[in-house]
Amino acid sequence: MPNNPTDPNLATATQQILQAQQAPRLHVQSFFDEATFTASHVVHDPATMRGAVIDCVLDFDTASGRTSTTSAHALIAYLRTTGITLDWLLETHAHADHLSAAPYIQKHCGGQLAIGRDIITVQKVFGKIFNLGDEFARDGSQFNHLFTDGDTFAIGTIPAIALHVPGHTPADLTYIIGDAAFIGDTLFMPDYGTARTDFPGGDARQLYRSIRRLLALPATTRLFLCHDYKTPGRDTYAWETTVEAERSSNIHVHDGITEDAFHAMRTARDATLDMPKLILPSVQINIRGGRLPPPEDNGTSYLKLPLNLL
């Protein structure tokens, strides 16, 4: 599938990748949290030691309602040991399966917290679902920067671009940094398939188009995932693949799968899935940029549990 010349943002992303081949290769160090099956990535430019953290995890015990920062401290220790200057904390979307530790890492290491501008849509939807009051701003102001489709930035000397890839949620972004793309939940490893689309604002047809947009990138583009659930029969977790591997082998959306076929498969499959076990605490935290709700008059923060709604 050739690059789509009518997609200026994709053309820009492709050019970024080609430019990056002449620059130091982006270094990626991944950290896997088996409790939530989440892969967080610390990336940096070896020439300048400027870097970013992508999709970090705040540990959460459902039974006790306690948060902890063991996973976050592993990333902080790595940043300090390697001497990386943290410029960005990038979220691919408002996750429904883990809490973000971005504000905690930002407090210790600096950097700007960023997500896609369509987080505003997600905030409005879930602000209503959780019946949040006026204290909850629905304007994305919990984040330092809101990316729109095609916005460019850099990690040190390595060019980067944000691409809007909705379908799983309205606000999903892919961050293409040099020859690597951080695609959140849009795709999984080829033997596992694709993201679900049955959350509020999800759309299977939209996801298909987002995926085909990503699969128009150069075949050697490295794809880094946010999750892996280790398909039965595979011995190890994995979170790195390529455009070529996804196009040839993804069980849901390899080359030759039509939009209608994907929509039918994805809709039927989603109807059989349970809700993620951490969706209610995760979304309430993540639409706040990873922050807990304001403490009540007794000094304690509380999460809501909507009954018979979702």
C-alpha atoms as a PDB file:
ATOM      1  CA  MET A   1       0.000   0.000   0.000  1.00  0.00           C
ATOM      2  CA  PRO A   2       1.793   3.211  -1.097  1.00  0.00           C
ATOM      3  CA  ASN A   3       1.848   6.417   0.887  1.00  0.00           C
ATOM      4  CA  ASN A   4      -1.291   8.457   0.277  1.00  0.00           C
ATOM      5  CA  PRO A   5      -0.206  11.664  -1.480  1.00  0.00           C
ATOM      6  CA  THR A   6      -3.510  13.331  -0.588  1.00  0.00           C
ATOM      7  CA  ASP A   7      -2.755  13.075   3.155  1.00  0.00           C
ATOM      8  CA  PRO A   8      -0.413  16.008   3.896  1.00  0.00           C
ATOM      9  CA  ASN A   9       0.136  15.022   7.518  1.00  0.00           C
ATOM     10  CA  LEU A  10       1.095  11.490   6.558  1.00  0.00           C
ATOM     11  CA  ALA A  11       3.401  12.860   3.884  1.00  0.00           C
ATOM     12  CA  THR A  12       5.008  15.047   6.540  1.00  0.00           C
ATOM     13  CA  ALA A  13       5.363  12.072   8.864  1.00  0.00           C
ATOM     14  CA  THR A  14       7.017  10.062   6.129  1.00  0.00           C
ATOM     15  CA  GLN A  15       9.425  12.900   5.436  1.00  0.00           C
ATOM     16  CA  GLN A  16      10.224  13.050   9.146  1.00  0.00           C
ATOM     17  CA  ILE A  17      11.156   9.374   9.042  1.00  0.00           C
ATOM     18  CA  LEU A  18      13.357   9.838   6.006  1.00  0.00           C
ATOM     19  CA  GLN A  19      15.083  12.794   7.656  1.00  0.00           C
ATOM     20  CA  ALA A  20      15.600  10.765  10.804  1.00  0.00           C
ATOM     21  CA  GLN A  21      17.572   8.184   8.875  1.00  0.00           C
ATOM     22  CA  GLN A  22      20.291  10.832   8.611  1.00  0.00           C
ATOM     23  CA  ALA A  23      20.122  11.658  12.336  1.00  0.00           C
ATOM     24  CA  PRO A  24      21.037   9.599  15.409  1.00  0.00           C
ATOM     25  CA  ARG A  25      18.505   6.766  15.791  1.00  0.00           C
ATOM     26  CA  LEU A  26      15.938   7.278  18.523  1.00  0.00           C
ATOM     27  CA  HIS A  27      16.758   5.108  21.529  1.00  0.00           C
ATOM     28  CA  VAL A  28      13.770   3.365  23.093  1.00  0.00           C
ATOM     29  CA  GLN A  29      13.770   1.726  26.519  1.00  0.00           C
ATOM     30  CA  SER A  30      10.503  -0.011  27.369  1.00  0.00           C
ATOM     31  CA  PHE A  31       9.115  -0.976  30.772  1.00  0.00           C
ATOM     32  CA  PHE A  32       6.361  -3.597  30.982  1.00  0.00           C
ATOM     33  CA  ASP A  33       3.819  -3.644  33.814  1.00  0.00           C
ATOM     34  CA  GLU A  34       2.399  -7.157  33.839  1.00  0.00           C
ATOM     35  CA  ALA A  35      -0.381  -6.209  36.267  1.00  0.00           C
ATOM     36  CA  THR A  36      -1.982  -4.015  33.579  1.00  0.00           C
ATOM     37  CA  PHE A  37      -0.208  -5.488  30.531  1.00  0.00           C
ATOM     38  CA  THR A  38       1.082  -1.984  29.786  1.00  0.00           C
ATOM     39  CA  ALA A  39       4.280  -1.074  27.961  1.00  0.00           C
ATOM     40  CA  SER A  40       5.652   2.372  28.859  1.00  0.00           C
ATOM     41  CA  HIS A  41       8.445   3.799  26.770  1.00  0.00           C
ATOM     42  CA  VAL A  42      11.290   6.159  27.643  1.00  0.00           C
ATOM     43  CA  VAL A  43      12.805   7.556  24.452  1.00  0.00           C
ATOM     44  CA  HIS A  44      15.733   9.864  23.856  1.00  0.00           C
ATOM     45  CA  ASP A  45      18.020  11.363  21.254  1.00  0.00           C
ATOM     46  CA  PRO A  46      21.564  10.034  21.877  1.00  0.00           C
ATOM     47  CA  ALA A  47      23.078  13.214  20.417  1.00  0.00           C
ATOM     48  CA  THR A  48      21.457  15.585  22.924  1.00  0.00           C
ATOM     49  CA  MET A  49      20.134  13.279  25.679  1.00  0.00           C
ATOM     50  CA  ARG A  50      16.733  14.992  25.434  1.00  0.00           C
ATOM     51  CA  GLY A  51      13.839  12.627  25.905  1.00  0.00           C
ATOM     52  CA  ALA A  52      10.193  11.765  26.504  1.00  0.00           C
ATOM     53  CA  VAL A  53       8.141   9.330  28.574  1.00  0.00           C
ATOM     54  CA  ILE A  54       5.194   7.740  26.773  1.00  0.00           C
ATOM     55  CA  ASP A  55       2.182   6.141  28.541  1.00  0.00           C
ATOM     56  CA  CYS A  56       3.519   5.729  32.086  1.00  0.00           C
ATOM     57  CA  VAL A  57       1.763   3.756  34.852  1.00  0.00           C
ATOM     58  CA  LEU A  58       0.601   4.663  38.350  1.00  0.00           C
ATOM     59  CA  ASP A  59       0.162   1.450  40.345  1.00  0.00           C
ATOM     60  CA  PHE A  60      -3.322   0.940  41.771  1.00  0.00           C
ATOM     61  CA  ASP A  61      -4.711  -1.735  44.085  1.00  0.00           C
ATOM     62  CA  THR A  62      -8.426  -2.099  43.413  1.00  0.00           C
ATOM     63  CA  ALA A  63      -9.263  -3.869  46.662  1.00  0.00           C
ATOM     64  CA  SER A  64      -7.731  -1.237  48.950  1.00  0.00           C
ATOM     65  CA  GLY A  65      -8.067   1.814  46.731  1.00  0.00           C
ATOM     66  CA  ARG A  66      -4.372   2.577  47.257  1.00  0.00           C
ATOM     67  CA  THR A  67      -2.031   4.040  44.668  1.00  0.00           C
ATOM     68  CA  SER A  68       1.720   3.512  44.639  1.00  0.00           C
ATOM     69  CA  THR A  69       4.639   4.646  42.509  1.00  0.00           C
ATOM     70  CA  THR A  70       6.880   1.605  42.074  1.00  0.00           C
ATOM     71  CA  SER A  71       6.442   1.579  38.291  1.00  0.00           C
ATOM     72  CA  ALA A  72       6.954   5.335  38.063  1.00  0.00           C
ATOM     73  CA  HIS A  73      10.165   5.172  40.085  1.00  0.00           C
ATOM     74  CA  ALA A  74      11.615   2.612  37.690  1.00  0.00           C
ATOM     75  CA  LEU A  75      11.255   5.195  34.912  1.00  0.00           C
ATOM     76  CA  ILE A  76      12.587   8.008  37.110  1.00  0.00           C
ATOM     77  CA  ALA A  77      15.628   5.933  38.084  1.00  0.00           C
ATOM     78  CA  TYR A  78      16.345   5.199  34.438  1.00  0.00           C
ATOM     79  CA  LEU A  79      16.068   8.885  33.486  1.00  0.00           C
ATOM     80  CA  ARG A  80      18.471   9.866  36.252  1.00  0.00           C
ATOM     81  CA  THR A  81      20.958   7.055  35.653  1.00  0.00           C
ATOM     82  CA  THR A  82      21.205   7.763  31.931  1.00  0.00           C
ATOM     83  CA  GLY A  83      21.214  11.554  32.318  1.00  0.00           C
ATOM     84  CA  ILE A  84      18.204  12.138  30.082  1.00  0.00           C
ATOM     85  CA  THR A  85      16.611  15.587  30.239  1.00  0.00           C
ATOM     86  CA  LEU A  86      12.862  15.009  30.131  1.00  0.00           C
ATOM     87  CA  ASP A  87      11.098  17.378  27.737  1.00  0.00           C
ATOM     88  CA  TRP A  88       7.776  15.579  27.250  1.00  0.00           C
ATOM     89  CA  LEU A  89       5.343  13.256  29.011  1.00  0.00           C
ATOM     90  CA  LEU A  90       3.221  11.992  26.124  1.00  0.00           C
ATOM     91  CA  GLU A  91      -0.130  10.239  26.492  1.00  0.00           C
ATOM     92  CA  THR A  92      -1.520   8.429  23.461  1.00  0.00           C
ATOM     93  CA  HIS A  93      -5.080   8.664  24.874  1.00  0.00           C
ATOM     94  CA  ALA A  94      -7.059   8.614  28.127  1.00  0.00           C
ATOM     95  CA  HIS A  95      -6.427   4.981  29.039  1.00  0.00           C
ATOM     96  CA  ALA A  96      -9.154   2.704  30.376  1.00  0.00           C
ATOM     97  CA  ASP A  97      -6.826   0.003  31.675  1.00  0.00           C
ATOM     98  CA  HIS A  98      -4.232   1.789  33.791  1.00  0.00           C
ATOM     99  CA  LEU A  99      -3.782   5.029  35.685  1.00  0.00           C
ATOM    100  CA  SER A 100      -1.240   7.554  34.426  1.00  0.00           C
ATOM    101  CA  ALA A 101       1.709   8.532  36.603  1.00  0.00           C
ATOM    102  CA  ALA A 102       2.603  11.529  34.420  1.00  0.00           C
ATOM    103  CA  PRO A 103       2.104  14.252  37.074  1.00  0.00           C
ATOM    104  CA  TYR A 104       4.244  12.321  39.560  1.00  0.00           C
ATOM    105  CA  ILE A 105       7.096  11.882  37.076  1.00  0.00           C
ATOM    106  CA  GLN A 106       6.737  15.503  35.985  1.00  0.00           C
ATOM    107  CA  LYS A 107       7.107  16.630  39.595  1.00  0.00           C
ATOM    108  CA  HIS A 108      10.437  14.796  39.874  1.00  0.00           C
ATOM    109  CA  CYS A 109      11.839  15.189  36.353  1.00  0.00           C
ATOM    110  CA  GLY A 110      10.079  18.106  34.668  1.00  0.00           C
ATOM    111  CA  GLY A 111       8.748  18.090  31.107  1.00  0.00           C
ATOM    112  CA  GLN A 112       5.476  19.087  29.465  1.00  0.00           C
ATOM    113  CA  LEU A 113       2.438  16.818  29.772  1.00  0.00           C
ATOM    114  CA  ALA A 114       0.679  16.401  26.412  1.00  0.00           C
ATOM    115  CA  ILE A 115      -2.223  14.564  24.795  1.00  0.00           C
ATOM    116  CA  GLY A 116      -4.476  15.043  21.758  1.00  0.00           C
ATOM    117  CA  ARG A 117      -6.836  18.008  21.626  1.00  0.00           C
ATOM    118  CA  ASP A 118      -9.816  15.685  21.353  1.00  0.00           C
ATOM    119  CA  ILE A 119      -9.341  14.826  25.018  1.00  0.00           C
ATOM    120  CA  ILE A 120     -11.870  17.635  25.411  1.00  0.00           C
ATOM    121  CA  THR A 121     -14.503  15.402  23.773  1.00  0.00           C
ATOM    122  CA  VAL A 122     -13.618  12.543  26.121  1.00  0.00           C
ATOM    123  CA  GLN A 123     -13.775  14.869  29.136  1.00  0.00           C
ATOM    124  CA  LYS A 124     -17.252  16.028  28.167  1.00  0.00           C
ATOM    125  CA  VAL A 125     -18.531  12.477  27.707  1.00  0.00           C
ATOM    126  CA  PHE A 126     -17.105  11.094  30.940  1.00  0.00           C
ATOM    127  CA  GLY A 127     -17.749  14.288  32.876  1.00  0.00           C
ATOM    128  CA  LYS A 128     -21.411  13.554  32.243  1.00  0.00           C
ATOM    129  CA  ILE A 129     -21.121   9.807  32.952  1.00  0.00           C
ATOM    130  CA  PHE A 130     -19.476  10.469  36.323  1.00  0.00           C
ATOM    131  CA  ASN A 131     -21.659  13.515  37.011  1.00  0.00           C
ATOM    132  CA  LEU A 132     -18.601  15.615  37.778  1.00  0.00           C
ATOM    133  CA  GLY A 133     -19.217  19.091  39.097  1.00  0.00           C
ATOM    134  CA  ASP A 134     -17.931  22.508  38.128  1.00  0.00           C
ATOM    135  CA  GLU A 135     -14.562  21.722  39.712  1.00  0.00           C
ATOM    136  CA  PHE A 136     -13.777  19.506  36.714  1.00  0.00           C
ATOM    137  CA  ALA A 137     -12.730  21.592  33.722  1.00  0.00           C
ATOM    138  CA  ARG A 138     -13.685  20.094  30.361  1.00  0.00           C
ATOM    139  CA  ASP A 139     -11.229  22.128  28.297  1.00  0.00           C
ATOM    140  CA  GLY A 140      -8.032  20.071  28.412  1.00  0.00           C
ATOM    141  CA  SER A 141      -6.412  22.523  30.819  1.00  0.00           C
ATOM    142  CA  GLN A 142      -5.140  19.640  32.974  1.00  0.00           C
ATOM    143  CA  PHE A 143      -2.458  19.163  30.299  1.00  0.00           C
ATOM    144  CA  ASN A 144       0.376  21.504  29.333  1.00  0.00           C
ATOM    145  CA  HIS A 145      -0.039  20.932  25.609  1.00  0.00           C
ATOM    146  CA  LEU A 146      -2.801  19.623  23.337  1.00  0.00           C
ATOM    147  CA  PHE A 147      -1.637  18.256  19.987  1.00  0.00           C
ATOM    148  CA  THR A 148      -3.715  18.485  16.835  1.00  0.00           C
ATOM    149  CA  ASP A 149      -3.318  16.290  13.782  1.00  0.00           C
ATOM    150  CA  GLY A 150      -0.064  17.053  11.994  1.00  0.00           C
ATOM    151  CA  ASP A 151       1.561  19.098  14.757  1.00  0.00           C
ATOM    152  CA  THR A 152       5.340  18.763  14.630  1.00  0.00           C
ATOM    153  CA  PHE A 153       7.848  18.826  17.470  1.00  0.00           C
ATOM    154  CA  ALA A 154      11.212  17.203  18.185  1.00  0.00           C
ATOM    155  CA  ILE A 155      13.025  15.000  20.652  1.00  0.00           C
ATOM    156  CA  GLY A 156      16.409  16.680  20.648  1.00  0.00           C
ATOM    157  CA  THR A 157      17.501  16.656  16.997  1.00  0.00           C
ATOM    158  CA  ILE A 158      15.046  13.936  15.988  1.00  0.00           C
ATOM    159  CA  PRO A 159      11.901  15.212  14.222  1.00  0.00           C
ATOM    160  CA  ALA A 160       8.474  14.146  15.461  1.00  0.00           C
ATOM    161  CA  ILE A 161       4.852  14.528  14.453  1.00  0.00           C
ATOM    162  CA  ALA A 162       1.500  13.805  16.134  1.00  0.00           C
ATOM    163  CA  LEU A 163      -1.131  12.001  14.057  1.00  0.00           C
ATOM    164  CA  HIS A 164      -4.780  11.787  15.107  1.00  0.00           C
ATOM    165  CA  VAL A 165      -5.858   8.116  14.896  1.00  0.00           C
ATOM    166  CA  PRO A 166      -9.358   7.909  16.428  1.00  0.00           C
ATOM    167  CA  GLY A 167     -11.555   4.841  16.609  1.00  0.00           C
ATOM    168  CA  HIS A 168     -10.582   3.191  19.873  1.00  0.00           C
ATOM    169  CA  THR A 169     -11.422   6.528  21.517  1.00  0.00           C
ATOM    170  CA  PRO A 170     -12.022   9.951  19.922  1.00  0.00           C
ATOM    171  CA  ALA A 171      -8.703  11.287  21.197  1.00  0.00           C
ATOM    172  CA  ASP A 172      -6.121   8.668  20.196  1.00  0.00           C
ATOM    173  CA  LEU A 173      -2.791   9.964  18.915  1.00  0.00           C
ATOM    174  CA  THR A 174       0.210   8.294  17.364  1.00  0.00           C
ATOM    175  CA  TYR A 175       3.562   9.972  17.997  1.00  0.00           C
ATOM    176  CA  ILE A 176       5.983   9.390  15.136  1.00  0.00           C
ATOM    177  CA  ILE A 177       9.506  10.168  16.342  1.00  0.00           C
ATOM    178  CA  GLY A 178      12.173   9.537  13.761  1.00  0.00           C
ATOM    179  CA  ASP A 179      11.724   6.003  12.451  1.00  0.00           C
ATOM    180  CA  ALA A 180       9.551   4.925  15.406  1.00  0.00           C
ATOM    181  CA  ALA A 181       5.795   5.298  15.908  1.00  0.00           C
ATOM    182  CA  PHE A 182       4.141   5.025  19.316  1.00  0.00           C
ATOM    183  CA  ILE A 183       0.631   3.931  18.459  1.00  0.00           C
ATOM    184  CA  GLY A 184      -1.092   3.413  21.804  1.00  0.00           C
ATOM    185  CA  ASP A 185      -3.924   0.863  21.598  1.00  0.00           C
ATOM    186  CA  THR A 186      -4.652   1.277  17.887  1.00  0.00           C
ATOM    187  CA  LEU A 187      -2.892  -1.981  16.966  1.00  0.00           C
ATOM    188  CA  PHE A 188      -1.541  -4.873  19.002  1.00  0.00           C
ATOM    189  CA  MET A 189       1.023  -7.489  18.001  1.00  0.00           C
ATOM    190  CA  PRO A 190       0.053  -9.147  14.713  1.00  0.00           C
ATOM    191  CA  ASP A 191      -1.088 -12.342  16.453  1.00  0.00           C
ATOM    192  CA  TYR A 192      -3.469 -10.401  18.738  1.00  0.00           C
ATOM    193  CA  GLY A 193      -5.087  -7.920  16.382  1.00  0.00           C
ATOM    194  CA  THR A 194      -6.606  -4.512  17.038  1.00  0.00           C
ATOM    195  CA  ALA A 195      -8.148  -2.290  19.688  1.00  0.00           C
ATOM    196  CA  ARG A 196     -11.752  -2.555  20.813  1.00  0.00           C
ATOM    197  CA  THR A 197     -14.164   0.186  19.725  1.00  0.00           C
ATOM    198  CA  ASP A 198     -17.099  -0.172  22.115  1.00  0.00           C
ATOM    199  CA  PHE A 199     -16.128   2.543  24.593  1.00  0.00           C
ATOM    200  CA  PRO A 200     -18.064   5.849  24.441  1.00  0.00           C
ATOM    201  CA  GLY A 201     -16.980   7.624  21.272  1.00  0.00           C
ATOM    202  CA  GLY A 202     -15.380   4.516  19.735  1.00  0.00           C
ATOM    203  CA  ASP A 203     -16.036   3.664  16.095  1.00  0.00           C
ATOM    204  CA  ALA A 204     -14.880   0.551  14.225  1.00  0.00           C
ATOM    205  CA  ARG A 205     -14.950   2.183  10.800  1.00  0.00           C
ATOM    206  CA  GLN A 206     -12.968   5.118  12.080  1.00  0.00           C
ATOM    207  CA  LEU A 207     -10.424   2.744  13.624  1.00  0.00           C
ATOM    208  CA  TYR A 208     -10.025   0.916  10.316  1.00  0.00           C
ATOM    209  CA  ARG A 209      -9.267   4.177   8.521  1.00  0.00           C
ATOM    210  CA  SER A 210      -6.805   5.213  11.237  1.00  0.00           C
ATOM    211  CA  ILE A 211      -5.019   1.873  10.981  1.00  0.00           C
ATOM    212  CA  ARG A 212      -4.793   2.035   7.191  1.00  0.00           C
ATOM    213  CA  ARG A 213      -3.335   5.509   7.587  1.00  0.00           C
ATOM    214  CA  LEU A 214      -0.606   4.135   9.851  1.00  0.00           C
ATOM    215  CA  LEU A 215       0.036   1.165   7.607  1.00  0.00           C
ATOM    216  CA  ALA A 216       0.791   3.570   4.750  1.00  0.00           C
ATOM    217  CA  LEU A 217       3.986   4.564   6.549  1.00  0.00           C
ATOM    218  CA  PRO A 218       7.266   3.058   5.298  1.00  0.00           C
ATOM    219  CA  ALA A 219       7.387  -0.728   5.831  1.00  0.00           C
ATOM    220  CA  THR A 220      10.411  -0.556   8.145  1.00  0.00           C
ATOM    221  CA  THR A 221       8.814   1.934  10.536  1.00  0.00           C
ATOM    222  CA  ARG A 222       9.155   0.593  14.080  1.00  0.00           C
ATOM    223  CA  LEU A 223       5.798   0.383  15.878  1.00  0.00           C
ATOM    224  CA  PHE A 224       5.739   0.472  19.677  1.00  0.00           C
ATOM    225  CA  LEU A 225       2.536  -0.650  21.377  1.00  0.00           C
ATOM    226  CA  CYS A 226       0.970   0.332  24.686  1.00  0.00           C
ATOM    227  CA  HIS A 227      -0.237  -3.174  25.579  1.00  0.00           C
ATOM    228  CA  ASP A 228       0.375  -6.851  24.995  1.00  0.00           C
ATOM    229  CA  TYR A 229      -1.818  -9.661  26.274  1.00  0.00           C
ATOM    230  CA  LYS A 230       0.417 -12.547  25.090  1.00  0.00           C
ATOM    231  CA  THR A 231      -1.758 -14.575  22.774  1.00  0.00           C
ATOM    232  CA  PRO A 232      -2.079 -18.225  23.926  1.00  0.00           C
ATOM    233  CA  GLY A 233       0.807 -20.162  22.436  1.00  0.00           C
ATOM    234  CA  ARG A 234       3.265 -17.258  22.601  1.00  0.00           C
ATOM    235  CA  ASP A 235       5.740 -17.587  25.487  1.00  0.00           C
ATOM    236  CA  THR A 236       6.804 -13.975  25.975  1.00  0.00           C
ATOM    237  CA  TYR A 237       5.273 -10.516  26.035  1.00  0.00           C
ATOM    238  CA  ALA A 238       6.101  -8.254  23.110  1.00  0.00           C
ATOM    239  CA  TRP A 239       5.438  -4.610  22.273  1.00  0.00           C
ATOM    240  CA  GLU A 240       7.555  -3.810  19.221  1.00  0.00           C
ATOM    241  CA  THR A 241       6.662  -4.668  15.633  1.00  0.00           C
ATOM    242  CA  THR A 242       6.824  -3.016  12.182  1.00  0.00           C
ATOM    243  CA  VAL A 243       4.451  -1.693   9.567  1.00  0.00           C
ATOM    244  CA  GLU A 244       5.487  -4.555   7.298  1.00  0.00           C
ATOM    245  CA  ALA A 245       4.660  -7.194   9.922  1.00  0.00           C
ATOM    246  CA  GLU A 246       1.258  -5.670  10.659  1.00  0.00           C
ATOM    247  CA  ARG A 247       0.352  -5.383   6.979  1.00  0.00           C
ATOM    248  CA  SER A 248       1.275  -8.975   6.248  1.00  0.00           C
ATOM    249  CA  SER A 249       0.214 -10.761   9.430  1.00  0.00           C
ATOM    250  CA  ASN A 250      -2.212  -8.827  11.643  1.00  0.00           C
ATOM    251  CA  ILE A 251      -5.061 -11.266  12.223  1.00  0.00           C
ATOM    252  CA  HIS A 252      -7.726  -8.533  12.102  1.00  0.00           C
ATOM    253  CA  VAL A 253      -6.510  -6.014   9.561  1.00  0.00           C
ATOM    254  CA  HIS A 254      -3.769  -7.367   7.288  1.00  0.00           C
ATOM    255  CA  ASP A 255      -3.661  -6.233   3.668  1.00  0.00           C
ATOM    256  CA  GLY A 256      -6.776  -7.387   1.831  1.00  0.00           C
ATOM    257  CA  ILE A 257      -9.204  -6.931   4.748  1.00  0.00           C
ATOM    258  CA  THR A 258     -11.947  -4.511   3.714  1.00  0.00           C
ATOM    259  CA  GLU A 259     -13.523  -1.867   5.916  1.00  0.00           C
ATOM    260  CA  ASP A 260     -16.866  -3.708   5.897  1.00  0.00           C
ATOM    261  CA  ALA A 261     -15.240  -6.988   6.924  1.00  0.00           C
ATOM    262  CA  PHE A 262     -13.275  -5.302   9.691  1.00  0.00           C
ATOM    263  CA  HIS A 263     -16.375  -3.474  10.964  1.00  0.00           C
ATOM    264  CA  ALA A 264     -18.366  -6.717  11.114  1.00  0.00           C
ATOM    265  CA  MET A 265     -15.560  -8.599  12.889  1.00  0.00           C
ATOM    266  CA  ARG A 266     -14.769  -5.822  15.354  1.00  0.00           C
ATOM    267  CA  THR A 267     -18.410  -5.163  16.260  1.00  0.00           C
ATOM    268  CA  ALA A 268     -19.131  -8.846  16.858  1.00  0.00           C
ATOM    269  CA  ARG A 269     -15.943  -9.330  18.867  1.00  0.00           C
ATOM    270  CA  ASP A 270     -16.507  -6.260  21.027  1.00  0.00           C
ATOM    271  CA  ALA A 271     -19.944  -7.557  22.017  1.00  0.00           C
ATOM    272  CA  THR A 272     -18.254 -10.517  23.725  1.00  0.00           C
ATOM    273  CA  LEU A 273     -15.682  -8.539  25.745  1.00  0.00           C
ATOM    274  CA  ASP A 274     -15.885  -7.691  29.428  1.00  0.00           C
ATOM    275  CA  MET A 275     -15.194  -4.148  30.549  1.00  0.00           C
ATOM    276  CA  PRO A 276     -11.562  -3.549  31.583  1.00  0.00           C
ATOM    277  CA  LYS A 277     -11.261  -4.121  35.321  1.00  0.00           C
ATOM    278  CA  LEU A 278      -9.702  -0.689  35.894  1.00  0.00           C
ATOM    279  CA  ILE A 279     -11.854   1.372  33.536  1.00  0.00           C
ATOM    280  CA  LEU A 280     -13.772   3.262  36.231  1.00  0.00           C
ATOM    281  CA  PRO A 281     -10.789   4.419  38.313  1.00  0.00           C
ATOM    282  CA  SER A 282      -8.541   4.838  35.251  1.00  0.00           C
ATOM    283  CA  VAL A 283     -10.777   7.117  33.258  1.00  0.00           C
ATOM    284  CA  GLN A 284     -11.601   9.332  36.242  1.00  0.00           C
ATOM    285  CA  ILE A 285      -7.880   9.849  36.859  1.00  0.00           C
ATOM    286  CA  ASN A 286      -6.708  10.060  33.263  1.00  0.00           C
ATOM    287  CA  ILE A 287      -9.196  12.689  32.091  1.00  0.00           C
ATOM    288  CA  ARG A 288      -7.652  14.796  34.873  1.00  0.00           C
ATOM    289  CA  GLY A 289      -4.193  14.329  33.372  1.00  0.00           C
ATOM    290  CA  GLY A 290      -3.306  11.623  35.915  1.00  0.00           C
ATOM    291  CA  ARG A 291      -4.345  13.609  38.975  1.00  0.00           C
ATOM    292  CA  LEU A 292      -6.599  12.410  41.778  1.00  0.00           C
ATOM    293  CA  PRO A 293      -9.938  14.169  42.304  1.00  0.00           C
ATOM    294  CA  PRO A 294      -9.701  17.125  44.703  1.00  0.00           C
ATOM    295  CA  PRO A 295      -9.769  16.019  48.354  1.00  0.00           C
ATOM    296  CA  GLU A 296     -13.070  16.434  50.149  1.00  0.00           C
ATOM    297  CA  ASP A 297     -13.428  18.233  53.497  1.00  0.00           C
ATOM    298  CA  ASN A 298     -11.881  15.275  55.338  1.00  0.00           C
ATOM    299  CA  GLY A 299      -8.725  15.448  53.212  1.00  0.00           C
ATOM    300  CA  THR A 300      -9.469  12.257  51.257  1.00  0.00           C
ATOM    301  CA  SER A 301      -9.990  11.935  47.496  1.00  0.00           C
ATOM    302  CA  TYR A 302     -12.842   9.750  46.282  1.00  0.00           C
ATOM    303  CA  LEU A 303     -13.677   8.017  43.002  1.00  0.00           C
ATOM    304  CA  LYS A 304     -17.231   7.471  41.808  1.00  0.00           C
ATOM    305  CA  LEU A 305     -18.841   4.159  40.840  1.00  0.00           C
ATOM    306  CA  PRO A 306     -21.830   4.717  38.516  1.00  0.00           C
ATOM    307  CA  LEU A 307     -24.348   1.923  39.018  1.00  0.00           C
ATOM    308  CA  ASN A 308     -26.238   0.239  36.174  1.00  0.00           C
ATOM    309  CA  LEU A 309     -25.010   2.777  33.645  1.00  0.00           C
ATOM    310  CA  LEU A 310     -22.107   1.351  31.628  1.00  0.00           C
END
